C-alpha atoms as a PDB file:
ATOM      1  CA  MET A   1     125.799 -23.806 -15.733  1.00  0.00           C
ATOM      2  CA  ALA A   2     127.705 -26.775 -14.290  1.00  0.00           C
ATOM      3  CA  ALA A   3     124.854 -29.124 -15.279  1.00  0.00           C
ATOM      4  CA  THR A   4     124.913 -27.788 -18.839  1.00  0.00           C
ATOM      5  CA  ALA A   5     128.671 -28.307 -19.066  1.00  0.00           C
ATOM      6  CA  LEU A   6     128.242 -31.860 -17.756  1.00  0.00           C
ATOM      7  CA  CYS A   7     125.630 -32.582 -20.431  1.00  0.00           C
ATOM      8  CA  TYR A   8     127.959 -31.278 -23.161  1.00  0.00           C
ATOM      9  CA  GLN A   9     130.771 -33.392 -21.740  1.00  0.00           C
ATOM     10  CA  ARG A  10     128.655 -36.554 -21.677  1.00  0.00           C
ATOM     11  CA  CYS A  11     127.509 -36.180 -25.296  1.00  0.00           C
ATOM     12  CA  GLY A  12     131.010 -35.325 -26.447  1.00  0.00           C
ATOM     13  CA  MET A  13     132.374 -38.372 -24.644  1.00  0.00           C
ATOM     14  CA  LEU A  14     129.813 -40.660 -26.297  1.00  0.00           C
ATOM     15  CA  TYR A  15     130.749 -39.297 -29.725  1.00  0.00           C
ATOM     16  CA  THR A  16     134.475 -39.725 -29.025  1.00  0.00           C
ATOM     17  CA  ILE A  17     134.050 -43.312 -27.836  1.00  0.00           C
ATOM     18  CA  TRP A  18     131.965 -44.258 -30.885  1.00  0.00           C
ATOM     19  CA  ASP A  19     134.325 -42.509 -33.317  1.00  0.00           C
ATOM     20  CA  TRP A  20     137.451 -44.205 -31.970  1.00  0.00           C
ATOM     21  CA  THR A  21     135.703 -47.571 -31.679  1.00  0.00           C
ATOM     22  CA  VAL A  22     134.823 -47.433 -35.373  1.00  0.00           C
ATOM     23  CA  ALA A  23     138.438 -46.537 -36.254  1.00  0.00           C
ATOM     24  CA  VAL A  24     139.866 -49.412 -34.172  1.00  0.00           C
ATOM     25  CA  VAL A  25     137.385 -51.995 -35.485  1.00  0.00           C
ATOM     26  CA  PHE A  26     138.052 -50.945 -39.071  1.00  0.00           C
ATOM     27  CA  SER A  27     141.782 -51.427 -38.462  1.00  0.00           C
ATOM     28  CA  MET A  28     141.126 -54.941 -37.143  1.00  0.00           C
ATOM     29  CA  LEU A  29     138.935 -55.812 -40.143  1.00  0.00           C
ATOM     30  CA  TRP A  30     141.574 -54.531 -42.548  1.00  0.00           C
ATOM     31  CA  ALA A  31     144.238 -56.633 -40.808  1.00  0.00           C
ATOM     32  CA  ILE A  32     142.031 -59.678 -41.469  1.00  0.00           C
ATOM     33  CA  ILE A  33     141.615 -58.672 -45.129  1.00  0.00           C
ATOM     34  CA  ILE A  34     145.376 -58.180 -45.531  1.00  0.00           C
ATOM     35  CA  THR A  35     145.988 -61.655 -44.082  1.00  0.00           C
ATOM     36  CA  ARG A  36     143.440 -63.205 -46.458  1.00  0.00           C
ATOM     37  CA  LEU A  37     144.802 -61.441 -49.542  1.00  0.00           C
ATOM     38  CA  HIS A  38     148.368 -62.332 -48.602  1.00  0.00           C
ATOM     39  CA  ALA A  39     147.351 -66.002 -48.386  1.00  0.00           C
ATOM     40  CA  MET A  40     145.331 -65.842 -51.622  1.00  0.00           C
ATOM     41  CA  TYR A  41     148.344 -64.390 -53.438  1.00  0.00           C
ATOM     42  CA  GLN A  42     150.458 -67.285 -52.107  1.00  0.00           C
ATOM     43  CA  ARG A  43     152.402 -65.099 -49.669  1.00  0.00           C
ATOM     44  CA  ASP A  44     153.612 -62.699 -52.336  1.00  0.00           C
ATOM     45  CA  ARG A  45     155.937 -60.194 -50.654  1.00  0.00           C
ATOM     46  CA  ASN A  46     155.154 -57.376 -53.092  1.00  0.00           C
ATOM     47  CA  ILE A  47     151.393 -57.552 -52.511  1.00  0.00           C
ATOM     48  CA  LEU A  48     151.984 -57.656 -48.741  1.00  0.00           C
ATOM     49  CA  ILE A  49     154.150 -54.522 -48.831  1.00  0.00           C
ATOM     50  CA  PHE A  50     151.623 -52.738 -51.039  1.00  0.00           C
ATOM     51  CA  LEU A  51     148.728 -53.604 -48.712  1.00  0.00           C
ATOM     52  CA  ILE A  52     150.603 -52.651 -45.545  1.00  0.00           C
ATOM     53  CA  VAL A  53     151.739 -49.292 -46.966  1.00  0.00           C
ATOM     54  CA  THR A  54     148.193 -48.494 -48.137  1.00  0.00           C
ATOM     55  CA  PHE A  55     146.782 -49.627 -44.796  1.00  0.00           C
ATOM     56  CA  LEU A  56     149.188 -47.459 -42.794  1.00  0.00           C
ATOM     57  CA  ALA A  57     148.538 -44.404 -44.972  1.00  0.00           C
ATOM     58  CA  ILE A  58     144.745 -44.631 -44.622  1.00  0.00           C
ATOM     59  CA  THR A  59     144.894 -45.533 -40.927  1.00  0.00           C
ATOM     60  CA  THR A  60     147.203 -42.598 -40.181  1.00  0.00           C
ATOM     61  CA  PHE A  61     144.896 -40.194 -41.988  1.00  0.00           C
ATOM     62  CA  ALA A  62     141.853 -41.672 -40.218  1.00  0.00           C
ATOM     63  CA  GLY A  63     143.553 -41.330 -36.829  1.00  0.00           C
ATOM     64  CA  ALA A  64     144.484 -37.715 -37.502  1.00  0.00           C
ATOM     65  CA  THR A  65     140.933 -37.021 -38.660  1.00  0.00           C
ATOM     66  CA  ALA A  66     139.530 -38.603 -35.501  1.00  0.00           C
ATOM     67  CA  VAL A  67     141.707 -36.325 -33.364  1.00  0.00           C
ATOM     68  CA  VAL A  68     140.659 -33.227 -35.305  1.00  0.00           C
ATOM     69  CA  SER A  69     136.989 -34.246 -35.184  1.00  0.00           C
ATOM     70  CA  THR A  70     137.196 -34.733 -31.436  1.00  0.00           C
ATOM     71  CA  MET A  71     138.701 -31.261 -31.010  1.00  0.00           C
ATOM     72  CA  HIS A  72     136.187 -29.538 -33.314  1.00  0.00           C
ATOM     73  CA  THR A  73     132.946 -31.131 -32.174  1.00  0.00           C
ATOM     74  CA  SER A  74     130.714 -30.384 -29.253  1.00  0.00           C
ATOM     75  CA  GLY A  75     127.769 -32.249 -27.795  1.00  0.00           C
ATOM     76  CA  GLU A  76     124.422 -30.918 -26.697  1.00  0.00           C
ATOM     77  CA  GLU A  77     122.007 -32.945 -24.586  1.00  0.00           C
ATOM     78  CA  LEU A  78     118.280 -32.431 -25.190  1.00  0.00           C
ATOM     79  CA  ILE A  79     115.268 -33.760 -23.325  1.00  0.00           C
ATOM     80  CA  LEU A  80     112.556 -34.665 -25.812  1.00  0.00           C
ATOM     81  CA  SER A  81     109.376 -36.494 -24.757  1.00  0.00           C
ATOM     82  CA  GLY A  82     111.036 -37.543 -21.536  1.00  0.00           C
ATOM     83  CA  THR A  83     114.108 -39.045 -23.219  1.00  0.00           C
ATOM     84  CA  TYR A  84     117.655 -37.726 -23.364  1.00  0.00           C
ATOM     85  CA  GLN A  85     119.035 -37.066 -26.860  1.00  0.00           C
ATOM     86  CA  CYS A  86     122.513 -35.972 -27.905  1.00  0.00           C
ATOM     87  CA  ARG A  87     123.133 -33.566 -30.748  1.00  0.00           C
ATOM     88  CA  ILE A  88     126.653 -33.259 -32.177  1.00  0.00           C
ATOM     89  CA  ASN A  89     127.723 -29.868 -33.497  1.00  0.00           C
ATOM     90  CA  TYR A  90     130.603 -29.734 -35.996  1.00  0.00           C
ATOM     91  CA  THR A  91     132.866 -26.719 -36.355  1.00  0.00           C
ATOM     92  CA  GLY A  92     135.559 -25.911 -38.888  1.00  0.00           C
ATOM     93  CA  ASP A  93     136.463 -28.603 -41.415  1.00  0.00           C
ATOM     94  CA  ALA A  94     135.635 -31.565 -39.158  1.00  0.00           C
ATOM     95  CA  LEU A  95     132.717 -32.689 -41.315  1.00  0.00           C
ATOM     96  CA  VAL A  96     134.745 -32.379 -44.530  1.00  0.00           C
ATOM     97  CA  MET A  97     137.564 -34.453 -43.050  1.00  0.00           C
ATOM     98  CA  ASP A  98     135.080 -37.090 -41.892  1.00  0.00           C
ATOM     99  CA  SER A  99     133.688 -37.396 -45.400  1.00  0.00           C
ATOM    100  CA  ALA A 100     137.226 -37.593 -46.847  1.00  0.00           C
ATOM    101  CA  THR A 101     138.088 -40.369 -44.395  1.00  0.00           C
ATOM    102  CA  TRP A 102     135.014 -42.364 -45.345  1.00  0.00           C
ATOM    103  CA  ILE A 103     135.819 -41.956 -49.042  1.00  0.00           C
ATOM    104  CA  LEU A 104     139.260 -43.413 -48.326  1.00  0.00           C
ATOM    105  CA  TYR A 105     137.538 -46.319 -46.554  1.00  0.00           C
ATOM    106  CA  ILE A 106     135.514 -46.913 -49.735  1.00  0.00           C
ATOM    107  CA  VAL A 107     138.668 -46.779 -51.884  1.00  0.00           C
ATOM    108  CA  TRP A 108     140.344 -49.376 -49.647  1.00  0.00           C
ATOM    109  CA  GLU A 109     137.386 -51.766 -49.694  1.00  0.00           C
ATOM    110  CA  VAL A 110     136.999 -51.498 -53.478  1.00  0.00           C
ATOM    111  CA  LEU A 111     140.733 -52.091 -53.897  1.00  0.00           C
ATOM    112  CA  ALA A 112     140.626 -55.160 -51.633  1.00  0.00           C
ATOM    113  CA  LEU A 113     137.626 -56.557 -53.507  1.00  0.00           C
ATOM    114  CA  CYS A 114     139.300 -56.020 -56.902  1.00  0.00           C
ATOM    115  CA  LEU A 115     142.468 -57.779 -55.714  1.00  0.00           C
ATOM    116  CA  ALA A 116     140.425 -60.695 -54.348  1.00  0.00           C
ATOM    117  CA  VAL A 117     138.382 -61.038 -57.545  1.00  0.00           C
ATOM    118  CA  ARG A 118     141.531 -60.813 -59.697  1.00  0.00           C
ATOM    119  CA  ILE A 119     143.365 -63.646 -57.932  1.00  0.00           C
ATOM    120  CA  ALA A 120     140.193 -65.749 -57.651  1.00  0.00           C
ATOM    121  CA  VAL A 121     139.535 -65.525 -61.406  1.00  0.00           C
ATOM    122  CA  LYS A 122     143.173 -66.398 -62.078  1.00  0.00           C
ATOM    123  CA  HIS A 123     142.982 -69.484 -59.854  1.00  0.00           C
ATOM    124  CA  PHE A 124     139.659 -70.619 -61.326  1.00  0.00           C
ATOM    125  CA  ARG A 125     141.169 -70.470 -64.823  1.00  0.00           C
ATOM    126  CA  GLU A 126     144.174 -72.495 -63.698  1.00  0.00           C
ATOM    127  CA  LEU A 127     142.000 -75.057 -61.919  1.00  0.00           C
ATOM    128  CA  ARG A 128     140.097 -75.804 -65.122  1.00  0.00           C
ATOM    129  CA  LEU A 129     143.284 -77.319 -66.500  1.00  0.00           C
ATOM    130  CA  ARG A 130     143.780 -79.520 -63.440  1.00  0.00           C
ATOM    131  CA  PRO A 131     141.640 -82.629 -62.927  1.00  0.00           C
ATOM    132  CA  ALA A 132     142.083 -82.619 -59.139  1.00  0.00           C
ATOM    133  CA  GLY A 133     141.468 -79.003 -58.199  1.00  0.00           C
ATOM    134  CA  GLY A 134     138.050 -79.349 -56.603  1.00  0.00           C
ATOM    135  CA  ILE A 135     139.072 -78.677 -52.999  1.00  0.00           C
ATOM    136  CA  ILE A 136     141.092 -75.564 -53.895  1.00  0.00           C
ATOM    137  CA  GLY A 137     138.258 -74.293 -56.060  1.00  0.00           C
ATOM    138  CA  ASP A 138     135.726 -74.789 -53.270  1.00  0.00           C
ATOM    139  CA  CYS A 139     138.071 -72.978 -50.884  1.00  0.00           C
ATOM    140  CA  PHE A 140     138.223 -69.956 -53.177  1.00  0.00           C
ATOM    141  CA  LYS A 141     134.436 -70.041 -53.525  1.00  0.00           C
ATOM    142  CA  VAL A 142     134.119 -69.791 -49.737  1.00  0.00           C
ATOM    143  CA  LEU A 143     136.635 -66.929 -49.676  1.00  0.00           C
ATOM    144  CA  MET A 144     134.797 -64.963 -52.366  1.00  0.00           C
ATOM    145  CA  LYS A 145     131.335 -65.652 -50.907  1.00  0.00           C
ATOM    146  CA  THR A 146     132.293 -64.275 -47.493  1.00  0.00           C
ATOM    147  CA  HIS A 147     134.142 -61.317 -49.019  1.00  0.00           C
ATOM    148  CA  LEU A 148     131.197 -60.354 -51.236  1.00  0.00           C
ATOM    149  CA  LEU A 149     128.803 -60.612 -48.276  1.00  0.00           C
ATOM    150  CA  TYR A 150     131.062 -58.378 -46.181  1.00  0.00           C
ATOM    151  CA  PHE A 151     131.468 -55.926 -49.081  1.00  0.00           C
ATOM    152  CA  ALA A 152     127.674 -55.744 -49.546  1.00  0.00           C
ATOM    153  CA  SER A 153     127.274 -54.787 -45.875  1.00  0.00           C
ATOM    154  CA  PHE A 154     130.022 -52.179 -46.264  1.00  0.00           C
ATOM    155  CA  VAL A 155     128.274 -50.680 -49.308  1.00  0.00           C
ATOM    156  CA  ALA A 156     125.042 -50.378 -47.310  1.00  0.00           C
ATOM    157  CA  VAL A 157     126.866 -48.686 -44.419  1.00  0.00           C
ATOM    158  CA  SER A 158     128.693 -46.342 -46.823  1.00  0.00           C
ATOM    159  CA  CYS A 159     125.437 -45.258 -48.465  1.00  0.00           C
ATOM    160  CA  PHE A 160     123.931 -44.373 -45.096  1.00  0.00           C
ATOM    161  CA  GLU A 161     127.111 -42.623 -43.937  1.00  0.00           C
ATOM    162  CA  LEU A 162     127.374 -40.435 -47.055  1.00  0.00           C
ATOM    163  CA  LEU A 163     123.647 -39.721 -46.883  1.00  0.00           C
ATOM    164  CA  ILE A 164     124.033 -38.581 -43.289  1.00  0.00           C
ATOM    165  CA  ILE A 165     127.150 -36.501 -44.005  1.00  0.00           C
ATOM    166  CA  PHE A 166     125.715 -34.671 -47.015  1.00  0.00           C
ATOM    167  CA  SER A 167     122.198 -34.287 -45.640  1.00  0.00           C
ATOM    168  CA  PRO A 168     121.619 -30.621 -44.710  1.00  0.00           C
ATOM    169  CA  THR A 169     119.640 -31.477 -41.549  1.00  0.00           C
ATOM    170  CA  SER A 170     121.339 -34.626 -40.255  1.00  0.00           C
ATOM    171  CA  PHE A 171     123.661 -32.878 -37.822  1.00  0.00           C
ATOM    172  CA  THR A 172     121.580 -29.831 -37.021  1.00  0.00           C
ATOM    173  CA  ASN A 173     118.256 -31.591 -36.451  1.00  0.00           C
ATOM    174  CA  ARG A 174     119.201 -35.124 -35.494  1.00  0.00           C
ATOM    175  CA  TYR A 175     116.514 -35.104 -32.814  1.00  0.00           C
ATOM    176  CA  LEU A 176     113.842 -35.225 -35.547  1.00  0.00           C
ATOM    177  CA  LEU A 177     112.215 -38.636 -36.049  1.00  0.00           C
ATOM    178  CA  GLU A 178     113.427 -39.020 -39.645  1.00  0.00           C
ATOM    179  CA  ASP A 179     117.028 -38.252 -38.778  1.00  0.00           C
ATOM    180  CA  GLN A 180     116.930 -40.448 -35.682  1.00  0.00           C
ATOM    181  CA  THR A 181     115.661 -43.341 -37.816  1.00  0.00           C
ATOM    182  CA  LEU A 182     118.367 -42.783 -40.437  1.00  0.00           C
ATOM    183  CA  PHE A 183     121.155 -42.598 -37.888  1.00  0.00           C
ATOM    184  CA  GLY A 184     119.786 -45.607 -35.978  1.00  0.00           C
ATOM    185  CA  LEU A 185     119.739 -47.729 -39.146  1.00  0.00           C
ATOM    186  CA  PHE A 186     123.279 -46.594 -39.904  1.00  0.00           C
ATOM    187  CA  GLN A 187     124.531 -47.747 -36.496  1.00  0.00           C
ATOM    188  CA  ILE A 188     122.705 -51.085 -36.795  1.00  0.00           C
ATOM    189  CA  LEU A 189     124.240 -51.735 -40.216  1.00  0.00           C
ATOM    190  CA  GLU A 190     127.649 -50.768 -38.871  1.00  0.00           C
ATOM    191  CA  VAL A 191     127.337 -53.368 -36.109  1.00  0.00           C
ATOM    192  CA  VAL A 192     126.214 -55.974 -38.686  1.00  0.00           C
ATOM    193  CA  MET A 193     129.279 -55.185 -40.797  1.00  0.00           C
ATOM    194  CA  PHE A 194     131.551 -55.530 -37.760  1.00  0.00           C
ATOM    195  CA  VAL A 195     129.979 -58.940 -37.053  1.00  0.00           C
ATOM    196  CA  LEU A 196     130.425 -60.097 -40.664  1.00  0.00           C
ATOM    197  CA  GLY A 197     134.091 -59.058 -40.625  1.00  0.00           C
ATOM    198  CA  PRO A 198     135.335 -61.969 -38.465  1.00  0.00           C
ATOM    199  CA  ARG A 199     133.356 -64.314 -40.727  1.00  0.00           C
ATOM    200  CA  LEU A 200     136.081 -63.662 -43.309  1.00  0.00           C
ATOM    201  CA  ILE A 201     138.283 -65.937 -41.178  1.00  0.00           C
ATOM    202  CA  LEU A 202     135.722 -68.097 -39.366  1.00  0.00           C
ATOM    203  CA  ALA A 203     134.000 -69.261 -42.570  1.00  0.00           C
ATOM    204  CA  LEU A 204     137.284 -70.627 -43.923  1.00  0.00           C
ATOM    205  CA  ARG A 205     138.038 -72.362 -40.635  1.00  0.00           C
ATOM    206  CA  GLU A 206     134.589 -73.946 -40.661  1.00  0.00           C
ATOM    207  CA  TYR A 207     135.186 -75.156 -44.216  1.00  0.00           C
ATOM    208  CA  ASN A 208     138.566 -76.663 -43.240  1.00  0.00           C
ATOM    209  CA  ALA A 209     136.997 -78.326 -40.204  1.00  0.00           C
ATOM    210  CA  LYS A 210     134.299 -79.811 -42.433  1.00  0.00           C
ATOM    211  CA  LEU A 211     136.949 -81.165 -44.808  1.00  0.00           C
ATOM    212  CA  VAL A 212     138.816 -82.761 -41.915  1.00  0.00           C
ATOM    213  CA  ALA A 213     135.596 -84.267 -40.545  1.00  0.00           C
ATOM    214  CA  ASP A 214     134.639 -85.649 -43.968  1.00  0.00           C
ATOM    215  CA  SER A 215     138.143 -87.032 -44.431  1.00  0.00           C
ATOM    216  CA  ASP A 216     138.044 -88.749 -41.032  1.00  0.00           C
ATOM    217  CA  ALA A 217     134.626 -90.196 -41.810  1.00  0.00           C
ATOM    218  CA  ALA A 218     135.862 -91.514 -45.174  1.00  0.00           C
ATOM    219  CA  THR A 219     138.928 -93.022 -43.494  1.00  0.00           C
ATOM    220  CA  ARG A 220     136.754 -94.775 -40.904  1.00  0.00           C
ATOM    221  CA  MET A 221     134.417 -96.126 -43.581  1.00  0.00           C
ATOM    222  CA  THR A 222     137.389 -97.445 -45.595  1.00  0.00           C
ATOM    223  CA  SER A 223     138.830 -99.071 -42.481  1.00  0.00           C
ATOM    224  CA  ILE A 224     135.506-100.741 -41.660  1.00  0.00           C
ATOM    225  CA  ALA A 225     135.127-101.990 -45.239  1.00  0.00           C
ATOM    226  CA  PHE A 226     138.679-103.329 -45.188  1.00  0.00           C
ATOM    227  CA  GLN A 227     138.101-105.151 -41.890  1.00  0.00           C
ATOM    228  CA  GLU A 228     134.903-106.698 -43.251  1.00  0.00           C
ATOM    229  CA  ARG A 229     136.729-107.933 -46.362  1.00  0.00           C
ATOM    230  CA  VAL A 230     139.498-109.413 -44.230  1.00  0.00           C
ATOM    231  CA  HIS A 231     136.916-111.123 -42.012  1.00  0.00           C
ATOM    232  CA  ILE A 232     135.029-112.555 -45.010  1.00  0.00           C
ATOM    233  CA  SER A 233     138.281-113.701 -46.616  1.00  0.00           C
ATOM    234  CA  THR A 234     139.395-115.397 -43.401  1.00  0.00           C
ATOM    235  CA  SER A 235     136.028-117.108 -42.954  1.00  0.00           C
ATOM    236  CA  SER A 236     136.097-118.412 -46.522  1.00  0.00           C
ATOM    237  CA  THR A 237     139.602-119.837 -46.012  1.00  0.00           C
ATOM    238  CA  VAL A 238     138.552-121.604 -42.834  1.00  0.00           C
END
C-alpha cells in the first residue's frame, strides 16, 4: 500500500513540475514579446499598459488553473514491458480549465502577432518614402522573421495540445503506443518552442553586432585608403 502511494506521489510530482515549468517559461517568453512590441511601437505607453494588463490577466488565470489542476489530478505508475510509465487521471473540471487556459494562450499569441504585423506594415510603408531607411527596414525584417518562426512553432504545439486534450483516449490510455508517440512529439515541440523564444531577442542582437562589425570594417577600409592617398600625395610632392 505504501509502495502504491509512493508511485502515485512520484507521477503526481512529475506532472506538477512539468505543468508549472510550462507556466513559468510561457511567462518569460511573453515578457520578451512585450519588450519587443514596446520597442517596435516606439515605447508607446498605451500599448505597454494594454500588453501588461492582458499579460497579468492571462497569467493569473493560468496560475489559478495550474493550482486547480494540481489539486484535481492524480498519477498512476504502470510497469509495461519492463519500463515505468505514468498515467495522469483528471477529476472534476481540471481538463476543461486546462483547455480554456491553452485557448487563452492562443488568443495572446495571435494578438501579439497581429500587433507586430500591424506596426511592421506601417513602418515599411513609411520607409518607402525615405531614401535612407534600409537599416531600419532590415531590422524590422529580422524582427518579423523571428516572430513568425516562433509563432509557427507555437501553432504546431497548440495543435498537438488541443488534439491531446480533446482526444477521448489520450488521458485514459496514454500508455498505448499511439498516445505515447503523440504526447512525446508534443513535449519535443514544446521544448523547440521554448528554445526559439529567446531567439526573439538574440537574433536582433546578432543583427546589431553584424552591423557594428560591418561598420568597423568599413571605417578601417576608409582609414587605410585615406592613409594610402596621403602617402601617394606626399611621395609625389617629394
